[in-house]
Amino acid sequence: MENSHKKQHVALTSVLASLLLTIMKLVVGIMTGSIGIISEAAHSALDFGAAALTLFAVKMSDKPADTKHHYGHAKVESVSALIETGLLVVTSIWIIYAAAERLMAGTTEVKVTWYAVAVMVISIVVDFSRSRALSRVAKETNSQALEADALHFSSDILSSAVVLLGLVFVSMGIAWADAVAGIAVALLVGWAAFSLGKKTIDVLIDAAPEGLGERIEEITMTVGGVIAIDKIRVKPTGPQVFIEMAVCVNRTLSVEKVQRICAEIEKKIREEFPVGDITINTRPIALNSETIAERVHVISLNHNLHAHNISTNLAEQKKQISFDVEIDQQLTIKQAHDTVNRLEDELHREFDEELDICIHLDPLRNDDRYTGSLQPGEKELVNNTIIKASQSIENIQDVHDILIRKSEEGKLFITLHCSFNDDALLEDVHYLTSQLEGAIYRSMPNAGRVIIHAEPLYA
C-alpha cells in the first residue's frame, strides 16, 4: 500500500511539472521563433502525455489479480512504456523534419532573449529534480512505467542543454546552430526511445531478466534433497516475477519430506526476489546408491502395499528376494494373490534380471473392535500363562504392563512389554519376541492378537 502511494504521488507531480514546462517552452518558442525551443516544447508535451499515461498505468497496475487476470495488472505499466516509446519516435521524426526544412530554406530568424535562456535553465533544473525522484521510486517499487518517465526527464536535461548551447551560438551569429540543436535533440530522444522500447518489449514477450534464472537455480541447488533442476521458467510482471520449476528428488522420499523440500526452496527464493507466485513440481528419480530394500519398498508403495522384513540372498548367481506385505484382510486369497502378482511383475522389470521372489501375505487389520475387561480370576490365569511362557525363553526379562481385553467373540487381545540387555541386537530381540508370541498362541488357543513391545532393561 505504501509503495502504491509513493508511485502515484511521484507520477502526479511529474504530470504537473511537464504541463508547466510545456506551456513555458511553447510561449517562449513562439515569441523567439526558435525551432530548438519549439522542439523542446513538443518534447515536454510528449512528456506530459507520457506522465499522464504513467499515472494511469501505476493506478491500474496496483490492482490485485482477479479471475480474468491471473497474473495481476502489472503489465499495464509495460504497455504504457511501449506507448511512450512510440511517442518518442514520432517526436524525433517531427523535430528532424522541421529542423532540416529550416536548414534547407535558410530561414533562421531566431531572437535570443533573456527569458528564452531562463526558461531553458528552469527546464534543466525541473527535469533534474523529477528524474531523480522518479528513478528513486522506480528502484524502490521496481516500476517500469516510472523508469520510463524518469528516462524521459533525463533525456530532457540533455536536450535542453543542447538547445541552450544552440541559443548561445545563435547569439554569436551562427544562425544555423538552432536547427542543428533541434536535430541533436531528436537524436537524443530517438536513442532514449530505442533503449526504452527494447526493455519494454522484453517484458511484454516474457523474456527473463538476465541472470535471474541462473541465480534461482543456484538458490534451489543449495536446498538439501534437490538432485537436479529439470525445468525452470521465469515470467516478469512489473515489480514481481512468477516462477515455475520442476526439480528432481529421490523417489524413496516420503510425500511429507518432498513437501518440506519445496517449502524450503520457496522460502529461500522469496528472501531474495519479489515473487508473485511460485509453482514447484517434483520428479522422482532412482539413484544409483539405492539399496535393493529401498527399491522394493518404493515399488510396493506405488502399488499401495507396505513391504517389510525385506531380505536378499544370492544363490548360484541368482538373486532371491523375500519380504512381507500387508494386504487387506477382507480380500479373498485369489484377489490378494493377483495383487502381489502385479507387484512381482514390476519388480522383475525394475531389476531387469532373473530373480526369485517370495512374498508372504500379512492380513492388514483396519477394523474397530469392541472389547471388554476379563474377570479377576480369568485375568490372573492369563497373566500367569504369559509369565510362564516368557520364562521358557532365555534373555527375555521383566515382562510387565500386561493388558488383556476380550472381544465379543471371546478372542483375547494382549499387549505387553518386556526388557532386554542394552547391547542386545535388534535382530536377536525380534527373534526372541516372535518366539514369545508363538508360545503365547500355543498356550492360549483363544488368543486373537498378541503385540509385544521390547525395550532396554533400564528404560
Protein backbone atom coordinates (compact mmCIF):
# COMPACT_ATOMS: atom_id res chain seq x y z
CA MET A 1 0.00 0.00 0.00
CA GLU A 2 2.89 2.36 0.85
CA ASN A 3 4.60 1.62 -2.48
CA SER A 4 1.35 2.29 -4.33
CA HIS A 5 1.02 5.70 -2.68
CA LYS A 6 4.65 6.60 -3.49
CA LYS A 7 4.23 5.64 -7.14
CA GLN A 8 1.01 7.61 -7.62
CA HIS A 9 2.35 10.70 -5.83
CA VAL A 10 5.57 10.93 -7.85
CA ALA A 11 3.64 10.27 -11.09
CA LEU A 12 1.16 13.07 -10.32
CA THR A 13 3.90 15.63 -9.58
CA SER A 14 5.55 14.66 -12.87
CA VAL A 15 2.31 15.37 -14.75
CA LEU A 16 2.11 18.86 -13.22
CA ALA A 17 5.80 19.60 -13.87
CA SER A 18 5.67 18.52 -17.53
CA LEU A 19 2.49 20.54 -18.11
CA LEU A 20 4.14 23.69 -16.71
CA LEU A 21 7.29 23.21 -18.81
CA THR A 22 5.27 22.60 -21.99
CA ILE A 23 3.37 25.87 -21.62
CA MET A 24 6.51 27.86 -20.80
CA LYS A 25 8.57 26.46 -23.71
CA LEU A 26 5.75 26.83 -26.23
CA VAL A 27 5.16 30.50 -25.38
CA VAL A 28 8.87 31.36 -25.40
CA GLY A 29 9.49 29.32 -28.58
CA ILE A 30 6.76 31.18 -30.49
CA MET A 31 7.96 34.55 -29.18
CA THR A 32 11.58 33.90 -30.19
CA GLY A 33 10.98 31.79 -33.29
CA SER A 34 13.48 29.18 -32.05
CA ILE A 35 12.97 25.74 -33.62
CA GLY A 36 15.10 24.33 -30.78
CA ILE A 37 12.79 25.71 -28.08
CA ILE A 38 9.66 24.75 -30.03
CA SER A 39 11.03 21.21 -30.41
CA GLU A 40 11.63 21.21 -26.68
CA ALA A 41 8.01 22.30 -26.15
CA ALA A 42 6.90 19.36 -28.28
CA HIS A 43 9.18 17.10 -26.26
CA SER A 44 7.68 18.39 -23.00
CA ALA A 45 4.17 17.99 -24.41
CA LEU A 46 5.07 14.40 -25.10
CA ASP A 47 6.35 14.12 -21.54
CA PHE A 48 3.05 15.49 -20.27
CA GLY A 49 1.11 12.84 -22.19
CA ALA A 50 3.56 10.14 -21.09
CA ALA A 51 3.39 11.25 -17.45
CA ALA A 52 -0.42 11.21 -17.56
CA LEU A 53 -0.26 7.73 -19.08
CA THR A 54 2.19 6.69 -16.37
CA LEU A 55 -0.17 7.96 -13.65
CA PHE A 56 -2.98 5.88 -15.14
CA ALA A 57 -0.69 2.84 -15.50
CA VAL A 58 0.57 2.83 -11.90
CA LYS A 59 -3.00 3.10 -10.64
CA MET A 60 -4.09 0.17 -12.80
CA SER A 61 -1.02 -1.97 -12.11
CA ASP A 62 -1.62 -1.95 -8.36
CA LYS A 63 -4.95 -3.76 -8.77
CA PRO A 64 -4.76 -7.34 -7.42
CA ALA A 65 -5.14 -10.43 -9.59
CA ASP A 66 -8.68 -11.49 -10.45
CA THR A 67 -10.46 -14.30 -12.28
CA LYS A 68 -9.68 -12.73 -15.65
CA HIS A 69 -6.14 -11.51 -14.96
CA HIS A 70 -4.39 -14.34 -13.12
CA TYR A 71 -1.01 -12.59 -13.12
CA GLY A 72 -2.41 -9.26 -11.93
CA HIS A 73 -2.36 -5.95 -13.85
CA ALA A 74 1.35 -5.09 -13.59
CA LYS A 75 1.92 -5.32 -17.36
CA VAL A 76 -0.24 -2.24 -17.83
CA GLU A 77 2.95 -0.36 -16.94
CA SER A 78 4.82 -2.13 -19.74
CA VAL A 79 2.08 -1.28 -22.23
CA SER A 80 2.26 2.34 -21.05
CA ALA A 81 6.03 2.37 -21.53
CA LEU A 82 5.64 0.94 -25.06
CA ILE A 83 3.20 3.71 -25.99
CA GLU A 84 5.65 6.28 -24.65
CA THR A 85 8.32 4.71 -26.87
CA GLY A 86 6.12 5.24 -29.92
CA LEU A 87 5.50 8.86 -28.96
CA LEU A 88 9.24 9.44 -28.56
CA VAL A 89 9.90 8.09 -32.06
CA VAL A 90 7.18 10.28 -33.60
CA THR A 91 8.55 13.33 -31.81
CA SER A 92 12.09 12.63 -33.05
CA ILE A 93 10.93 12.34 -36.67
CA TRP A 94 8.95 15.60 -36.45
CA ILE A 95 11.85 17.56 -34.94
CA ILE A 96 14.34 16.32 -37.55
CA TYR A 97 11.90 17.16 -40.37
CA ALA A 98 11.27 20.69 -39.07
CA ALA A 99 14.97 21.38 -38.47
CA ALA A 100 16.05 20.03 -41.87
CA GLU A 101 13.39 22.13 -43.62
CA ARG A 102 14.67 25.28 -41.90
CA LEU A 103 18.28 24.47 -42.76
CA MET A 104 17.45 23.92 -46.45
CA ALA A 105 15.25 27.04 -46.61
CA GLY A 106 17.94 29.16 -44.95
CA THR A 107 15.35 31.00 -42.85
CA THR A 108 16.65 31.20 -39.34
CA GLU A 109 15.12 34.21 -37.68
CA VAL A 110 15.76 33.43 -34.04
CA LYS A 111 15.59 36.01 -31.23
CA VAL A 112 17.87 35.25 -28.34
CA THR A 113 16.33 36.83 -25.25
CA TRP A 114 16.94 36.55 -21.53
CA TYR A 115 13.64 34.79 -20.97
CA ALA A 116 14.49 32.21 -23.66
CA VAL A 117 17.68 31.37 -21.78
CA ALA A 118 15.84 31.49 -18.42
CA VAL A 119 13.14 29.04 -19.47
CA MET A 120 15.75 26.53 -20.66
CA VAL A 121 17.66 26.83 -17.36
CA ILE A 122 14.42 26.36 -15.40
CA SER A 123 13.63 23.36 -17.58
CA ILE A 124 17.00 21.74 -16.77
CA VAL A 125 16.51 22.26 -13.02
CA VAL A 126 12.94 20.85 -13.05
CA ASP A 127 13.90 17.90 -15.26
CA PHE A 128 16.83 17.06 -12.99
CA SER A 129 14.69 17.04 -9.84
CA ARG A 130 11.88 14.99 -11.48
CA SER A 131 14.33 12.48 -12.96
CA ARG A 132 15.95 11.84 -9.59
CA ALA A 133 12.59 11.49 -7.81
CA LEU A 134 11.19 9.13 -10.44
CA SER A 135 14.36 6.99 -10.56
CA ARG A 136 14.40 6.63 -6.79
CA VAL A 137 10.78 5.48 -6.55
CA ALA A 138 11.16 3.27 -9.68
CA LYS A 139 14.03 1.39 -7.99
CA GLU A 140 12.15 1.09 -4.69
CA THR A 141 9.00 -0.28 -6.36
CA ASN A 142 10.54 -1.90 -9.47
CA SER A 143 8.10 0.11 -11.62
CA GLN A 144 8.82 0.06 -15.34
CA ALA A 145 6.38 2.91 -16.06
CA LEU A 146 8.15 5.21 -13.59
CA GLU A 147 11.50 4.14 -15.02
CA ALA A 148 10.28 5.15 -18.48
CA ASP A 149 9.12 8.50 -17.14
CA ALA A 150 12.50 9.05 -15.46
CA LEU A 151 14.18 8.30 -18.79
CA HIS A 152 12.04 10.94 -20.45
CA PHE A 153 13.06 13.61 -17.96
CA SER A 154 16.74 12.55 -18.17
CA SER A 155 16.69 12.96 -21.95
CA ASP A 156 15.04 16.37 -21.44
CA ILE A 157 18.06 17.53 -19.43
CA LEU A 158 20.41 16.73 -22.30
CA SER A 159 18.13 18.12 -24.98
CA SER A 160 17.54 21.36 -23.03
CA ALA A 161 21.28 21.76 -22.60
CA VAL A 162 21.77 21.27 -26.36
CA VAL A 163 19.09 23.91 -27.15
CA LEU A 164 20.67 26.28 -24.66
CA LEU A 165 24.03 25.79 -26.35
CA GLY A 166 22.33 26.43 -29.72
CA LEU A 167 20.99 29.76 -28.45
CA VAL A 168 24.49 30.74 -27.35
CA PHE A 169 25.84 30.06 -30.85
CA VAL A 170 22.93 31.97 -32.45
CA SER A 171 23.75 34.98 -30.26
CA MET A 172 27.31 34.75 -31.65
CA GLY A 173 25.99 34.99 -35.21
CA ILE A 174 25.86 31.28 -36.08
CA ALA A 175 22.19 31.23 -37.08
CA TRP A 176 22.02 27.59 -38.23
CA ALA A 177 23.09 26.38 -34.75
CA ASP A 178 19.45 26.45 -33.57
CA ALA A 179 18.31 23.97 -36.22
CA VAL A 180 21.32 21.75 -35.58
CA ALA A 181 20.47 21.82 -31.88
CA GLY A 182 16.94 20.67 -32.76
CA ILE A 183 18.33 17.70 -34.74
CA ALA A 184 20.64 16.82 -31.85
CA VAL A 185 17.65 16.82 -29.51
CA ALA A 186 15.79 14.49 -31.89
CA LEU A 187 18.70 12.05 -31.97
CA LEU A 188 18.87 12.02 -28.17
CA VAL A 189 15.14 11.39 -27.96
CA GLY A 190 15.42 8.62 -30.56
CA TRP A 191 18.15 6.87 -28.60
CA ALA A 192 16.04 7.07 -25.43
CA ALA A 193 13.13 5.56 -27.38
CA PHE A 194 15.29 2.67 -28.60
CA SER A 195 16.58 1.86 -25.08
CA LEU A 196 13.13 2.03 -23.51
CA GLY A 197 11.45 0.11 -26.32
CA LYS A 198 13.92 -2.78 -26.15
CA LYS A 199 13.45 -3.18 -22.42
CA THR A 200 9.67 -2.88 -22.64
CA ILE A 201 9.33 -5.45 -25.43
CA ASP A 202 11.46 -7.90 -23.41
CA VAL A 203 8.93 -7.68 -20.58
CA LEU A 204 5.90 -7.97 -22.86
CA ILE A 205 7.26 -11.11 -24.54
CA ASP A 206 8.11 -12.58 -21.11
CA ALA A 207 11.89 -12.51 -21.59
CA ALA A 208 13.51 -13.46 -18.28
CA PRO A 209 15.77 -10.75 -16.83
CA GLU A 210 19.41 -11.53 -17.48
CA GLY A 211 20.96 -13.68 -14.75
CA LEU A 212 17.69 -14.15 -12.83
CA GLY A 213 17.09 -17.76 -13.90
CA GLU A 214 20.69 -18.70 -13.14
CA ARG A 215 20.50 -17.17 -9.66
CA ILE A 216 17.26 -19.00 -8.88
CA GLU A 217 18.92 -22.26 -9.96
CA GLU A 218 21.84 -21.55 -7.61
CA ILE A 219 19.49 -20.94 -4.68
CA THR A 220 17.46 -24.07 -5.43
CA MET A 221 20.53 -26.32 -5.57
CA THR A 222 21.52 -25.24 -2.03
CA VAL A 223 18.39 -26.92 -0.62
CA GLY A 224 19.05 -30.39 0.75
CA GLY A 225 17.27 -33.15 -1.15
CA VAL A 226 17.31 -31.40 -4.56
CA ILE A 227 19.23 -33.60 -7.01
CA ALA A 228 18.80 -31.56 -10.20
CA ILE A 229 16.59 -28.93 -11.84
CA ASP A 230 14.63 -30.41 -14.72
CA LYS A 231 12.99 -27.18 -15.92
CA ILE A 232 12.70 -23.54 -14.88
CA ARG A 233 10.60 -20.68 -16.25
CA VAL A 234 10.66 -17.09 -15.03
CA LYS A 235 7.93 -14.63 -16.04
CA PRO A 236 8.46 -10.96 -15.04
CA THR A 237 5.30 -8.91 -14.50
CA GLY A 238 6.02 -5.40 -13.30
CA PRO A 239 7.66 -5.40 -9.88
CA GLN A 240 7.20 -9.15 -9.37
CA VAL A 241 8.28 -12.39 -11.02
CA PHE A 242 6.31 -15.60 -11.45
CA ILE A 243 8.35 -18.80 -11.31
CA GLU A 244 7.63 -22.33 -12.49
CA MET A 245 10.15 -25.09 -11.96
CA ALA A 246 10.49 -28.86 -11.87
CA VAL A 247 13.08 -30.38 -9.54
CA CYS A 248 14.35 -33.95 -9.32
CA VAL A 249 14.23 -35.67 -5.92
CA ASN A 250 15.00 -39.13 -4.63
CA ARG A 251 12.00 -41.38 -5.25
CA THR A 252 12.43 -43.03 -1.84
CA LEU A 253 11.46 -39.81 -0.01
CA SER A 254 8.08 -39.54 1.65
CA VAL A 255 5.47 -37.09 0.40
CA GLU A 256 5.89 -35.01 3.56
CA LYS A 257 9.66 -34.78 3.04
CA VAL A 258 9.21 -33.70 -0.59
CA GLN A 259 6.74 -31.02 0.52
CA ARG A 260 9.27 -29.71 3.05
CA ILE A 261 11.91 -29.51 0.30
CA CYS A 262 9.53 -27.47 -1.90
CA ALA A 263 8.65 -25.18 1.01
CA GLU A 264 12.36 -24.57 1.71
CA ILE A 265 13.02 -23.73 -1.96
CA GLU A 266 10.17 -21.22 -1.98
CA LYS A 267 11.29 -19.65 1.30
CA LYS A 268 14.88 -19.10 0.08
CA ILE A 269 13.81 -17.65 -3.28
CA ARG A 270 11.31 -15.26 -1.66
CA GLU A 271 14.06 -13.98 0.66
CA GLU A 272 15.98 -12.68 -2.38
CA PHE A 273 13.33 -11.86 -5.02
CA PRO A 274 9.86 -10.23 -5.01
CA VAL A 275 7.97 -13.35 -6.10
CA GLY A 276 4.32 -13.01 -7.09
CA ASP A 277 3.79 -16.77 -7.21
CA ILE A 278 5.96 -19.86 -7.43
CA THR A 279 4.96 -23.33 -8.65
CA ILE A 280 7.29 -26.25 -7.94
CA ASN A 281 6.74 -29.68 -9.47
CA THR A 282 8.82 -32.65 -8.36
CA ARG A 283 10.07 -35.56 -10.47
CA PRO A 284 11.09 -38.67 -8.51
CA ILE A 285 14.20 -40.39 -9.87
CA ALA A 286 16.10 -43.55 -8.95
CA LEU A 287 19.61 -43.09 -7.58
CA ASN A 288 22.47 -45.48 -8.25
CA SER A 289 23.00 -45.69 -4.49
CA GLU A 290 19.56 -47.19 -3.80
CA THR A 291 19.63 -50.49 -1.93
CA ILE A 292 17.53 -53.47 -3.01
CA ALA A 293 15.34 -52.98 0.09
CA GLU A 294 14.71 -49.33 -0.84
CA ARG A 295 13.78 -50.26 -4.40
CA VAL A 296 11.37 -52.97 -3.23
CA HIS A 297 9.85 -50.61 -0.67
CA VAL A 298 9.25 -47.80 -3.21
CA ILE A 299 7.71 -50.08 -5.83
CA SER A 300 5.46 -51.65 -3.21
CA LEU A 301 4.23 -48.22 -2.14
CA ASN A 302 3.41 -47.48 -5.79
CA HIS A 303 1.02 -50.46 -5.56
CA ASN A 304 -0.40 -49.18 -2.23
CA LEU A 305 1.32 -52.03 -0.41
CA HIS A 306 3.62 -51.85 2.59
CA ALA A 307 6.64 -54.15 2.28
CA HIS A 308 8.71 -55.10 5.34
CA ASN A 309 11.13 -57.77 6.52
CA ILE A 310 12.89 -57.47 3.16
CA SER A 311 15.83 -59.81 2.73
CA THR A 312 18.07 -60.67 -0.23
CA ASN A 313 20.10 -63.79 -0.90
CA LEU A 314 22.48 -64.62 -3.73
CA ALA A 315 22.49 -68.26 -4.72
CA GLU A 316 24.25 -69.56 -7.84
CA GLN A 317 24.40 -66.09 -9.44
CA LYS A 318 20.67 -65.65 -8.95
CA LYS A 319 19.08 -63.16 -6.58
CA GLN A 320 16.39 -64.28 -4.18
CA ILE A 321 14.23 -61.55 -2.64
CA SER A 322 11.73 -62.31 0.09
CA PHE A 323 9.56 -59.94 2.09
CA ASP A 324 6.21 -59.49 3.78
CA VAL A 325 3.40 -57.29 2.50
CA GLU A 326 0.25 -56.24 4.28
CA ILE A 327 -2.92 -56.99 2.32
CA ASP A 328 -6.47 -56.02 3.21
CA GLN A 329 -7.83 -58.91 5.27
CA GLN A 330 -11.22 -58.62 3.58
CA LEU A 331 -9.80 -59.77 0.23
CA THR A 332 -10.06 -63.36 -0.92
CA ILE A 333 -6.88 -65.35 -1.40
CA LYS A 334 -7.26 -65.03 -5.20
CA GLN A 335 -7.67 -61.24 -5.03
CA ALA A 336 -4.67 -60.95 -2.73
CA HIS A 337 -2.59 -63.25 -4.95
CA ASP A 338 -3.47 -61.22 -8.07
CA THR A 339 -2.39 -58.06 -6.26
CA VAL A 340 1.05 -59.38 -5.35
CA ASN A 341 1.45 -60.89 -8.84
CA ARG A 342 1.26 -57.38 -10.30
CA LEU A 343 3.86 -56.28 -7.78
CA GLU A 344 6.12 -59.19 -8.74
CA ASP A 345 5.85 -58.33 -12.44
CA GLU A 346 7.01 -54.77 -11.81
CA LEU A 347 9.86 -55.93 -9.59
CA HIS A 348 11.11 -58.16 -12.41
CA ARG A 349 11.05 -55.15 -14.75
CA GLU A 350 12.75 -52.96 -12.14
CA PHE A 351 15.71 -55.28 -11.61
CA ASP A 352 15.87 -56.32 -15.26
CA GLU A 353 17.41 -59.66 -14.40
CA GLU A 354 16.48 -63.18 -13.42
CA LEU A 355 15.49 -63.44 -9.77
CA ASP A 356 13.25 -65.43 -7.45
CA ILE A 357 10.66 -63.53 -5.43
CA CYS A 358 8.78 -64.91 -2.46
CA ILE A 359 6.15 -62.72 -0.80
CA HIS A 360 4.49 -63.53 2.49
CA LEU A 361 0.96 -62.15 2.85
CA ASP A 362 0.09 -60.45 6.13
CA PRO A 363 -3.59 -59.60 6.70
CA LEU A 364 -3.96 -55.86 7.22
CA ARG A 365 -6.41 -55.29 10.04
CA ASN A 366 -8.17 -51.96 9.85
CA ASP A 367 -11.45 -52.63 11.62
CA ASP A 368 -12.52 -51.31 15.02
CA ARG A 369 -13.44 -53.90 17.63
CA TYR A 370 -15.34 -53.57 20.87
CA THR A 371 -13.58 -55.33 23.76
CA GLY A 372 -14.20 -55.71 27.47
CA SER A 373 -12.23 -56.49 30.60
CA LEU A 374 -11.64 -60.01 31.94
CA GLN A 375 -12.94 -61.32 35.24
CA PRO A 376 -10.29 -61.13 38.03
CA GLY A 377 -9.73 -64.89 38.15
CA GLU A 378 -9.50 -65.19 34.35
CA LYS A 379 -7.12 -62.24 34.16
CA GLU A 380 -4.79 -63.77 36.78
CA LEU A 381 -4.76 -67.06 34.87
CA VAL A 382 -3.82 -65.38 31.58
CA ASN A 383 -1.10 -63.30 33.31
CA ASN A 384 0.44 -66.39 34.82
CA THR A 385 0.36 -68.16 31.46
CA ILE A 386 2.21 -65.26 29.81
CA ILE A 387 4.83 -65.08 32.57
CA LYS A 388 5.41 -68.81 32.38
CA ALA A 389 5.80 -68.66 28.58
CA SER A 390 8.37 -65.84 28.88
CA GLN A 391 10.40 -67.78 31.46
CA SER A 392 10.90 -70.57 28.97
CA ILE A 393 12.77 -68.23 26.60
CA GLU A 394 16.29 -67.20 27.55
CA ASN A 395 17.27 -63.49 27.68
CA ILE A 396 13.70 -62.15 27.94
CA GLN A 397 13.49 -60.19 31.19
CA ASP A 398 10.98 -58.20 33.20
CA VAL A 399 7.66 -58.88 31.49
CA HIS A 400 5.36 -56.05 32.61
CA ASP A 401 2.46 -53.77 31.69
CA ILE A 402 0.34 -56.69 30.54
CA LEU A 403 -3.02 -55.52 29.18
CA ILE A 404 -5.69 -58.06 28.21
CA ARG A 405 -9.02 -57.35 26.51
CA LYS A 406 -11.69 -59.79 25.29
CA SER A 407 -13.81 -59.33 22.14
CA GLU A 408 -17.46 -60.20 21.81
CA GLU A 409 -16.40 -63.42 20.05
CA GLY A 410 -14.26 -64.42 23.04
CA LYS A 411 -10.91 -63.64 21.37
CA LEU A 412 -8.16 -62.21 23.58
CA PHE A 413 -6.18 -59.13 22.55
CA ILE A 414 -2.95 -58.98 24.52
CA THR A 415 -0.28 -56.28 24.74
CA LEU A 416 2.80 -56.47 26.96
CA HIS A 417 6.27 -55.00 27.49
CA CYS A 418 9.47 -56.94 28.05
CA SER A 419 13.09 -55.93 28.56
CA PHE A 420 16.48 -56.91 27.13
CA ASN A 421 20.07 -56.01 27.89
CA ASP A 422 21.08 -52.68 26.35
CA ASP A 423 23.63 -54.26 24.00
CA ALA A 424 21.22 -56.84 22.54
CA LEU A 425 20.94 -56.67 18.73
CA LEU A 426 17.55 -55.76 17.37
CA GLU A 427 17.60 -58.80 15.06
CA ASP A 428 18.02 -61.08 18.10
CA VAL A 429 15.35 -59.19 20.05
CA HIS A 430 12.86 -59.58 17.20
CA TYR A 431 13.58 -63.31 17.01
CA LEU A 432 13.01 -63.77 20.76
CA THR A 433 9.79 -61.73 20.86
CA SER A 434 8.50 -63.76 17.91
CA GLN A 435 9.22 -66.92 19.93
CA LEU A 436 7.30 -65.47 22.85
CA GLU A 437 4.35 -64.65 20.62
CA GLY A 438 4.29 -68.23 19.35
CA ALA A 439 4.48 -69.61 22.88
CA ILE A 440 1.52 -67.45 23.95
CA TYR A 441 -0.56 -68.50 20.93
CA ARG A 442 0.19 -72.15 21.65
CA SER A 443 -0.67 -71.78 25.35
CA MET A 444 -3.93 -69.93 24.70
CA PRO A 445 -5.94 -71.12 21.69
CA ASN A 446 -8.37 -68.18 22.15
CA ALA A 447 -5.59 -65.55 21.73
CA GLY A 448 -6.61 -63.36 18.77
CA ARG A 449 -3.74 -60.86 18.69
CA VAL A 450 -0.51 -60.54 20.65
CA ILE A 451 1.61 -57.35 20.48
CA ILE A 452 4.95 -57.26 22.32
CA HIS A 453 6.90 -54.04 22.92
CA ALA A 454 10.62 -54.59 23.51
CA GLU A 455 12.73 -52.05 25.41
CA PRO A 456 16.12 -51.72 27.15
CA LEU A 457 16.26 -53.23 30.62
CA TYR A 458 16.51 -49.89 32.45
CA ALA A 459 14.42 -47.74 30.07
